[in-house]
Amino acid sequence: MITNIRSDYIHSKAVPVLITKLLTERQEILVLFNQLVEMKPYDKAAAVQPLLQQFCQVLVDYVALGHFEVYQCLEDNVGDTEHCRRVKGLIRELYPRIVATTQTAIDFNDRYDGREFPEVVEDLCSHLSRLGENLAARIELEDRLITAIKLPSPATV
């Protein structure tokens, strides 16, 4: 997917690199999320606690990368072509919804990172479910933006 992004239209070679990094971190967060879900019923604190802390760290890194680096880079570097104006408009349309998913992730991290496991075990399943729904929404929004950035290859123009 990323190989089709033409940075000359976005005026930044950083955009494809940041998107690749975002997709890599997204994959890591999804793997950790699935590992956490598979640990239900969460009765082995010694096994769940380290994974939960690792998940929280990667979650914060992932949402921060998207929230502060990718979207800011796009906003700052999109040019003035028709395609770039469409991308910029889509960024402005999607950004408030992305912010909402970021807040849900930060709330999850604040609740679970660094806490002793027995304090949080009873609500973990429902909070993971809510977070999973928000991650799915975020991924859909990110994919819309990534697709909009992609341009048809010169052979199809």
Protein backbone atom coordinates (compact mmCIF):
# COMPACT_ATOMS: atom_id res chain seq x y z
CA MET A 1 0.00 0.00 0.00
CA ILE A 2 2.69 2.48 0.98
CA THR A 3 4.70 1.99 -2.19
CA ASN A 4 1.95 3.76 -4.13
CA ILE A 5 2.26 6.98 -2.11
CA ARG A 6 3.93 9.65 -4.19
CA SER A 7 5.59 12.08 -1.81
CA ASP A 8 6.15 14.69 -4.54
CA TYR A 9 2.43 15.47 -4.41
CA ILE A 10 2.47 15.77 -0.64
CA HIS A 11 5.75 17.73 -0.65
CA SER A 12 7.35 15.68 2.09
CA LYS A 13 9.41 12.54 2.01
CA ALA A 14 8.52 12.15 5.68
CA VAL A 15 4.89 11.26 4.93
CA PRO A 16 5.50 7.76 3.51
CA VAL A 17 8.00 7.02 6.29
CA LEU A 18 5.56 8.13 8.99
CA ILE A 19 2.71 6.16 7.46
CA THR A 20 4.86 3.03 7.29
CA LYS A 21 5.80 3.55 10.94
CA LEU A 22 2.13 4.07 11.84
CA LEU A 23 1.12 0.84 10.12
CA THR A 24 3.93 -1.04 11.87
CA GLU A 25 2.87 0.26 15.28
CA ARG A 26 -0.75 -0.47 14.43
CA GLN A 27 0.15 -4.09 13.71
CA GLU A 28 2.04 -4.33 17.01
CA ILE A 29 -0.88 -2.90 18.98
CA LEU A 30 -3.31 -5.32 17.35
CA VAL A 31 -1.09 -8.31 18.14
CA LEU A 32 -0.80 -7.25 21.79
CA PHE A 33 -4.52 -6.51 21.97
CA ASN A 34 -5.33 -10.01 20.72
CA GLN A 35 -2.87 -11.55 23.18
CA LEU A 36 -4.60 -9.71 26.02
CA VAL A 37 -8.05 -10.77 24.88
CA GLU A 38 -6.92 -14.39 24.64
CA MET A 39 -5.81 -14.34 28.30
CA LYS A 40 -9.39 -14.15 29.60
CA PRO A 41 -10.60 -14.73 32.31
CA TYR A 42 -7.64 -12.69 33.63
CA ASP A 43 -7.09 -14.77 36.72
CA LYS A 44 -3.28 -14.99 36.43
CA ALA A 45 -2.06 -11.55 37.41
CA ALA A 46 1.60 -12.48 37.00
CA ALA A 47 1.01 -13.25 33.31
CA VAL A 48 -1.40 -10.42 32.51
CA GLN A 49 0.31 -7.50 34.28
CA PRO A 50 3.49 -7.34 32.14
CA LEU A 51 1.54 -7.75 28.91
CA LEU A 52 -0.95 -5.10 29.98
CA GLN A 53 1.87 -2.65 30.73
CA GLN A 54 3.55 -3.40 27.40
CA PHE A 55 0.23 -2.95 25.63
CA CYS A 56 -0.34 0.42 27.33
CA GLN A 57 3.11 1.68 26.28
CA VAL A 58 2.64 0.64 22.65
CA LEU A 59 -0.90 2.03 22.67
CA VAL A 60 0.32 5.45 23.77
CA ASP A 61 3.16 5.37 21.22
CA TYR A 62 0.73 4.42 18.44
CA VAL A 63 -1.88 7.09 19.16
CA ALA A 64 0.79 9.75 19.73
CA LEU A 65 2.46 8.91 16.42
CA GLY A 66 -0.81 9.30 14.56
CA HIS A 67 -2.12 12.22 16.56
CA PHE A 68 1.02 14.36 16.78
CA GLU A 69 3.29 13.26 13.94
CA VAL A 70 1.39 11.83 10.98
CA TYR A 71 -1.56 14.21 10.96
CA GLN A 72 0.59 17.23 11.78
CA CYS A 73 3.06 16.33 9.02
CA LEU A 74 0.21 15.98 6.55
CA GLU A 75 -1.35 19.26 7.62
CA ASP A 76 1.98 21.07 7.34
CA ASN A 77 3.18 19.52 4.08
CA VAL A 78 0.17 19.13 1.84
CA GLY A 79 0.64 21.32 -1.23
CA ASP A 80 -1.80 23.31 -3.30
CA THR A 81 -2.74 20.86 -6.05
CA GLU A 82 -6.33 19.69 -6.35
CA HIS A 83 -5.38 16.30 -4.90
CA CYS A 84 -3.59 17.94 -1.98
CA ARG A 85 -6.56 20.18 -1.24
CA ARG A 86 -8.81 17.08 -1.15
CA VAL A 87 -6.39 15.37 1.24
CA LYS A 88 -6.26 18.44 3.46
CA GLY A 89 -10.07 18.63 3.51
CA LEU A 90 -10.26 14.97 4.49
CA ILE A 91 -7.73 15.55 7.26
CA ARG A 92 -9.91 18.34 8.65
CA GLU A 93 -13.02 16.16 8.36
CA LEU A 94 -11.50 13.12 10.06
CA TYR A 95 -9.33 14.77 12.68
CA PRO A 96 -12.06 15.40 15.31
CA ARG A 97 -13.07 11.74 15.12
CA ILE A 98 -9.45 10.67 15.43
CA VAL A 99 -9.07 12.90 18.49
CA ALA A 100 -11.99 11.08 20.12
CA THR A 101 -10.29 7.71 19.59
CA THR A 102 -7.06 9.14 20.96
CA GLN A 103 -8.84 10.23 24.13
CA THR A 104 -10.31 6.75 24.64
CA ALA A 105 -6.83 5.23 24.33
CA ILE A 106 -5.35 7.74 26.78
CA ASP A 107 -8.18 7.04 29.25
CA PHE A 108 -7.46 3.30 28.99
CA ASN A 109 -3.75 3.91 29.56
CA ASP A 110 -4.42 6.17 32.55
CA ARG A 111 -6.60 3.48 34.10
CA TYR A 112 -4.31 0.49 33.55
CA ASP A 113 -0.69 1.52 33.12
CA GLY A 114 1.29 1.12 36.30
CA ARG A 115 -1.65 -0.08 38.38
CA GLU A 116 -1.56 -3.26 40.38
CA PHE A 117 -3.49 -5.92 38.55
CA PRO A 118 -5.97 -6.93 41.31
CA GLU A 119 -7.28 -3.34 41.36
CA VAL A 120 -8.35 -3.42 37.72
CA VAL A 121 -9.23 -7.00 36.85
CA GLU A 122 -13.00 -6.79 37.15
CA ASP A 123 -13.42 -4.06 34.51
CA LEU A 124 -10.60 -5.03 32.16
CA CYS A 125 -12.76 -7.10 29.81
CA SER A 126 -15.35 -4.35 29.27
CA HIS A 127 -12.67 -1.67 28.89
CA LEU A 128 -10.79 -3.78 26.34
CA SER A 129 -14.03 -4.23 24.42
CA ARG A 130 -14.66 -0.48 24.31
CA LEU A 131 -11.06 0.19 23.36
CA GLY A 132 -11.25 -2.45 20.62
CA GLU A 133 -14.27 -0.70 19.11
CA ASN A 134 -12.43 2.62 19.18
CA LEU A 135 -9.29 1.12 17.66
CA ALA A 136 -11.41 -0.34 14.85
CA ALA A 137 -12.95 3.10 14.23
CA ARG A 138 -9.52 4.73 14.26
CA ILE A 139 -8.12 2.18 11.81
CA GLU A 140 -11.01 2.83 9.44
CA LEU A 141 -10.33 6.57 9.60
CA GLU A 142 -6.60 6.11 9.10
CA ASP A 143 -7.20 3.82 6.14
CA ARG A 144 -9.48 6.41 4.53
CA LEU A 145 -6.73 8.98 4.86
CA ILE A 146 -4.00 6.65 3.58
CA THR A 147 -6.16 5.72 0.61
CA ALA A 148 -6.78 9.40 -0.16
CA ILE A 149 -3.04 10.08 -0.13
CA LYS A 150 -2.37 7.34 -2.64
CA LEU A 151 -2.43 8.48 -6.23
CA PRO A 152 -3.05 6.40 -9.32
CA SER A 153 0.15 5.08 -10.78
CA PRO A 154 1.35 6.94 -13.90
CA ALA A 155 0.40 3.92 -16.04
CA THR A 156 -3.29 4.32 -15.08
CA VAL A 157 -3.47 8.10 -15.48
